[in-house]
Amino acid sequence: MCKSTADSPELCCPVCGQGFTLIWERHSRAERTIALREIARALRSHHQKASGPQAHPQRGFKLPDWDGPSAFSGAAISGNAPSWAL
């Protein structure tokens, strides 16, 4: 799950620079690197219709096109993200 943030983002959109905090299970550095690439790809896909930060959902969002190992997805993909994260 990704949620936009202005404070200490874990990842910034490669297109518009919007910062995001991530809610996920983190494992090894190699696994995180692979997962971050997949998340960046999903963020780029938001920009098919808009170029600025408005291209991203305003609330927290899941990555429905995730096709990586479920271990990377954590609670977000299984639908168990806490309500405060949305």
N, C-alpha and C. Protein backbone atom coordinates (compact mmCIF):
# COMPACT_ATOMS: atom_id res chain seq x y z
N MET A 1 0.84 -1.17 0.00
CA MET A 1 0.00 0.00 0.00
C MET A 1 0.88 1.23 0.00
N CYS A 2 0.50 2.23 -0.76
CA CYS A 2 1.21 3.51 -0.82
C CYS A 2 0.30 4.61 -0.33
N LYS A 3 0.87 5.57 0.34
CA LYS A 3 0.12 6.74 0.79
C LYS A 3 0.99 7.97 0.58
N SER A 4 0.43 8.99 -0.04
CA SER A 4 1.22 10.18 -0.31
C SER A 4 1.61 10.85 1.00
N THR A 5 2.80 11.45 0.99
CA THR A 5 3.30 12.12 2.18
C THR A 5 4.28 13.21 1.76
N ALA A 6 4.38 14.22 2.58
CA ALA A 6 5.37 15.26 2.36
C ALA A 6 6.53 15.11 3.35
N ASP A 7 6.32 14.27 4.36
CA ASP A 7 7.31 14.08 5.42
C ASP A 7 8.07 12.77 5.24
N SER A 8 9.33 12.85 4.98
CA SER A 8 10.23 11.69 4.89
C SER A 8 9.68 10.55 4.05
N PRO A 9 9.44 10.79 2.77
CA PRO A 9 8.92 9.70 1.92
C PRO A 9 9.94 8.58 1.76
N GLU A 10 9.43 7.36 1.64
CA GLU A 10 10.29 6.22 1.37
C GLU A 10 10.59 6.09 -0.11
N LEU A 11 9.70 6.65 -0.92
CA LEU A 11 9.80 6.54 -2.37
C LEU A 11 9.14 7.76 -2.99
N CYS A 12 9.73 8.27 -4.06
CA CYS A 12 9.13 9.38 -4.81
C CYS A 12 8.77 8.90 -6.20
N CYS A 13 7.66 9.38 -6.71
CA CYS A 13 7.24 9.03 -8.06
C CYS A 13 8.31 9.50 -9.04
N PRO A 14 8.73 8.62 -9.94
CA PRO A 14 9.77 8.99 -10.90
C PRO A 14 9.30 10.00 -11.96
N VAL A 15 7.99 10.24 -12.05
CA VAL A 15 7.47 11.18 -13.04
C VAL A 15 7.26 12.57 -12.44
N CYS A 16 6.53 12.65 -11.32
CA CYS A 16 6.17 13.96 -10.77
C CYS A 16 6.88 14.30 -9.47
N GLY A 17 7.53 13.34 -8.85
CA GLY A 17 8.25 13.60 -7.61
C GLY A 17 7.42 13.50 -6.34
N GLN A 18 6.12 13.18 -6.46
CA GLN A 18 5.27 13.02 -5.27
C GLN A 18 5.87 11.97 -4.36
N GLY A 19 5.95 12.28 -3.06
CA GLY A 19 6.51 11.34 -2.10
C GLY A 19 5.46 10.39 -1.56
N PHE A 20 5.89 9.18 -1.25
CA PHE A 20 4.99 8.16 -0.72
C PHE A 20 5.64 7.44 0.44
N THR A 21 4.81 7.09 1.40
CA THR A 21 5.21 6.17 2.45
C THR A 21 4.63 4.82 2.07
N LEU A 22 5.33 3.76 2.41
CA LEU A 22 4.93 2.42 2.01
C LEU A 22 4.59 1.58 3.23
N ILE A 23 3.53 0.80 3.09
CA ILE A 23 3.13 -0.12 4.15
C ILE A 23 3.29 -1.51 3.57
N TRP A 24 4.31 -2.21 4.05
CA TRP A 24 4.63 -3.51 3.49
C TRP A 24 5.54 -4.28 4.43
N GLU A 25 5.70 -5.54 4.13
CA GLU A 25 6.66 -6.34 4.86
C GLU A 25 7.98 -6.22 4.12
N ARG A 26 9.01 -5.86 4.83
CA ARG A 26 10.32 -5.72 4.20
C ARG A 26 11.19 -6.88 4.61
N HIS A 27 11.88 -7.43 3.64
CA HIS A 27 12.75 -8.56 3.92
C HIS A 27 14.18 -8.13 3.61
N SER A 28 14.86 -8.85 2.81
CA SER A 28 16.25 -8.52 2.51
C SER A 28 16.35 -7.26 1.65
N ARG A 29 17.54 -6.70 1.60
CA ARG A 29 17.78 -5.51 0.78
C ARG A 29 17.48 -5.82 -0.70
N ALA A 30 17.86 -6.99 -1.17
CA ALA A 30 17.61 -7.37 -2.56
C ALA A 30 16.11 -7.44 -2.85
N GLU A 31 15.35 -7.99 -1.92
CA GLU A 31 13.89 -8.08 -2.10
C GLU A 31 13.26 -6.69 -2.11
N ARG A 32 13.72 -5.81 -1.22
CA ARG A 32 13.19 -4.44 -1.19
C ARG A 32 13.50 -3.72 -2.50
N THR A 33 14.69 -3.92 -3.03
CA THR A 33 15.08 -3.27 -4.29
C THR A 33 14.15 -3.69 -5.42
N ILE A 34 13.88 -4.98 -5.51
CA ILE A 34 12.97 -5.49 -6.55
C ILE A 34 11.57 -4.91 -6.35
N ALA A 35 11.09 -4.92 -5.11
CA ALA A 35 9.75 -4.40 -4.82
C ALA A 35 9.65 -2.91 -5.15
N LEU A 36 10.67 -2.13 -4.82
CA LEU A 36 10.66 -0.70 -5.11
C LEU A 36 10.59 -0.43 -6.61
N ARG A 37 11.27 -1.25 -7.41
CA ARG A 37 11.18 -1.10 -8.87
C ARG A 37 9.76 -1.34 -9.35
N GLU A 38 9.10 -2.35 -8.81
CA GLU A 38 7.73 -2.66 -9.20
C GLU A 38 6.78 -1.54 -8.78
N ILE A 39 6.99 -0.99 -7.59
CA ILE A 39 6.14 0.11 -7.11
C ILE A 39 6.35 1.34 -7.98
N ALA A 40 7.59 1.65 -8.32
CA ALA A 40 7.87 2.80 -9.20
C ALA A 40 7.19 2.62 -10.55
N ARG A 41 7.18 1.40 -11.07
CA ARG A 41 6.50 1.13 -12.34
C ARG A 41 5.00 1.42 -12.21
N ALA A 42 4.40 1.01 -11.09
CA ALA A 42 2.97 1.27 -10.86
C ALA A 42 2.71 2.77 -10.76
N LEU A 43 3.59 3.51 -10.08
CA LEU A 43 3.42 4.96 -9.97
C LEU A 43 3.51 5.63 -11.34
N ARG A 44 4.43 5.17 -12.18
CA ARG A 44 4.53 5.72 -13.54
C ARG A 44 3.25 5.47 -14.33
N SER A 45 2.64 4.32 -14.11
CA SER A 45 1.42 3.99 -14.86
C SER A 45 0.27 4.93 -14.52
N HIS A 46 0.28 5.53 -13.34
CA HIS A 46 -0.75 6.50 -12.98
C HIS A 46 -0.74 7.71 -13.92
N HIS A 47 0.39 7.97 -14.54
CA HIS A 47 0.55 9.18 -15.34
C HIS A 47 0.11 9.02 -16.80
N GLN A 48 -0.64 8.01 -17.10
CA GLN A 48 -1.13 7.84 -18.46
C GLN A 48 -2.12 8.94 -18.84
N LYS A 49 -2.81 9.53 -17.84
CA LYS A 49 -3.81 10.56 -18.12
C LYS A 49 -3.47 11.93 -17.54
N ALA A 50 -2.53 12.02 -16.64
CA ALA A 50 -2.17 13.29 -16.02
C ALA A 50 -0.67 13.29 -15.72
N SER A 51 -0.07 14.48 -15.72
CA SER A 51 1.38 14.54 -15.53
C SER A 51 1.82 14.91 -14.13
N GLY A 52 0.97 15.57 -13.36
CA GLY A 52 1.37 16.03 -12.03
C GLY A 52 0.95 15.08 -10.93
N PRO A 53 1.15 15.50 -9.68
CA PRO A 53 0.79 14.66 -8.53
C PRO A 53 -0.69 14.27 -8.49
N GLN A 54 -1.54 15.04 -9.15
CA GLN A 54 -2.97 14.71 -9.18
C GLN A 54 -3.25 13.39 -9.89
N ALA A 55 -2.27 12.83 -10.58
CA ALA A 55 -2.44 11.55 -11.26
C ALA A 55 -2.58 10.40 -10.26
N HIS A 56 -2.07 10.58 -9.06
CA HIS A 56 -2.11 9.53 -8.06
C HIS A 56 -3.38 9.65 -7.22
N PRO A 57 -3.89 8.53 -6.72
CA PRO A 57 -5.04 8.60 -5.81
C PRO A 57 -4.73 9.48 -4.61
N GLN A 58 -5.72 10.22 -4.14
CA GLN A 58 -5.51 11.14 -3.02
C GLN A 58 -5.38 10.41 -1.69
N ARG A 59 -6.00 9.25 -1.59
CA ARG A 59 -5.92 8.45 -0.36
C ARG A 59 -4.92 7.33 -0.59
N GLY A 60 -4.69 6.55 0.44
CA GLY A 60 -3.82 5.40 0.29
C GLY A 60 -4.36 4.46 -0.78
N PHE A 61 -3.48 3.80 -1.47
CA PHE A 61 -3.93 2.87 -2.51
C PHE A 61 -3.09 1.62 -2.53
N LYS A 62 -3.75 0.54 -2.92
CA LYS A 62 -3.08 -0.74 -3.07
C LYS A 62 -2.53 -0.83 -4.47
N LEU A 63 -1.65 -1.75 -4.67
CA LEU A 63 -1.10 -1.96 -6.00
C LEU A 63 -1.74 -3.21 -6.59
N PRO A 64 -2.89 -3.05 -7.26
CA PRO A 64 -3.63 -4.22 -7.76
C PRO A 64 -2.89 -4.97 -8.86
N ASP A 65 -1.98 -4.30 -9.55
CA ASP A 65 -1.28 -4.99 -10.63
C ASP A 65 -0.02 -5.70 -10.14
N TRP A 66 0.12 -5.82 -8.81
CA TRP A 66 1.28 -6.47 -8.24
C TRP A 66 1.34 -7.92 -8.70
N ASP A 67 2.47 -8.31 -9.27
CA ASP A 67 2.62 -9.70 -9.69
C ASP A 67 3.86 -10.34 -9.08
N GLY A 68 4.44 -9.66 -8.10
CA GLY A 68 5.61 -10.21 -7.43
C GLY A 68 5.21 -11.19 -6.34
N PRO A 69 6.19 -11.74 -5.65
CA PRO A 69 5.90 -12.68 -4.58
C PRO A 69 5.02 -12.04 -3.50
N SER A 70 4.07 -12.78 -2.98
CA SER A 70 3.16 -12.22 -1.99
C SER A 70 3.88 -11.79 -0.72
N ALA A 71 5.06 -12.32 -0.47
CA ALA A 71 5.82 -11.91 0.71
C ALA A 71 6.16 -10.43 0.67
N PHE A 72 6.31 -9.85 -0.54
CA PHE A 72 6.61 -8.43 -0.65
C PHE A 72 5.39 -7.57 -0.39
N SER A 73 4.23 -8.12 -0.57
CA SER A 73 3.02 -7.31 -0.53
C SER A 73 2.56 -6.99 0.87
N GLY A 74 2.88 -7.82 1.82
CA GLY A 74 2.47 -7.59 3.20
C GLY A 74 0.97 -7.52 3.34
N ALA A 75 0.52 -6.79 4.33
CA ALA A 75 -0.90 -6.70 4.63
C ALA A 75 -1.68 -5.97 3.55
N ALA A 76 -1.04 -5.08 2.84
CA ALA A 76 -1.76 -4.26 1.87
C ALA A 76 -2.44 -5.10 0.79
N ILE A 77 -1.73 -6.00 0.19
CA ILE A 77 -2.30 -6.77 -0.90
C ILE A 77 -3.35 -7.75 -0.40
N SER A 78 -3.17 -8.28 0.78
CA SER A 78 -4.15 -9.23 1.30
C SER A 78 -5.37 -8.55 1.87
N GLY A 79 -5.40 -7.22 1.83
CA GLY A 79 -6.57 -6.48 2.29
C GLY A 79 -6.59 -6.24 3.78
N ASN A 80 -5.49 -6.44 4.47
CA ASN A 80 -5.46 -6.30 5.91
C ASN A 80 -4.72 -5.05 6.37
N ALA A 81 -4.62 -4.07 5.51
CA ALA A 81 -3.95 -2.83 5.91
C ALA A 81 -4.80 -2.15 6.99
N PRO A 82 -4.18 -1.52 7.96
CA PRO A 82 -4.94 -0.84 9.00
C PRO A 82 -5.72 0.34 8.43
N SER A 83 -6.88 0.63 9.02
CA SER A 83 -7.72 1.70 8.49
C SER A 83 -7.03 3.05 8.52
N TRP A 84 -6.12 3.29 9.48
CA TRP A 84 -5.42 4.58 9.53
C TRP A 84 -4.52 4.77 8.32
N ALA A 85 -4.13 3.68 7.68
CA ALA A 85 -3.24 3.78 6.53
C ALA A 85 -3.96 4.20 5.26
N LEU A 86 -5.26 4.09 5.27
CA LEU A 86 -6.03 4.46 4.07
C LEU A 86 -6.28 5.92 4.11
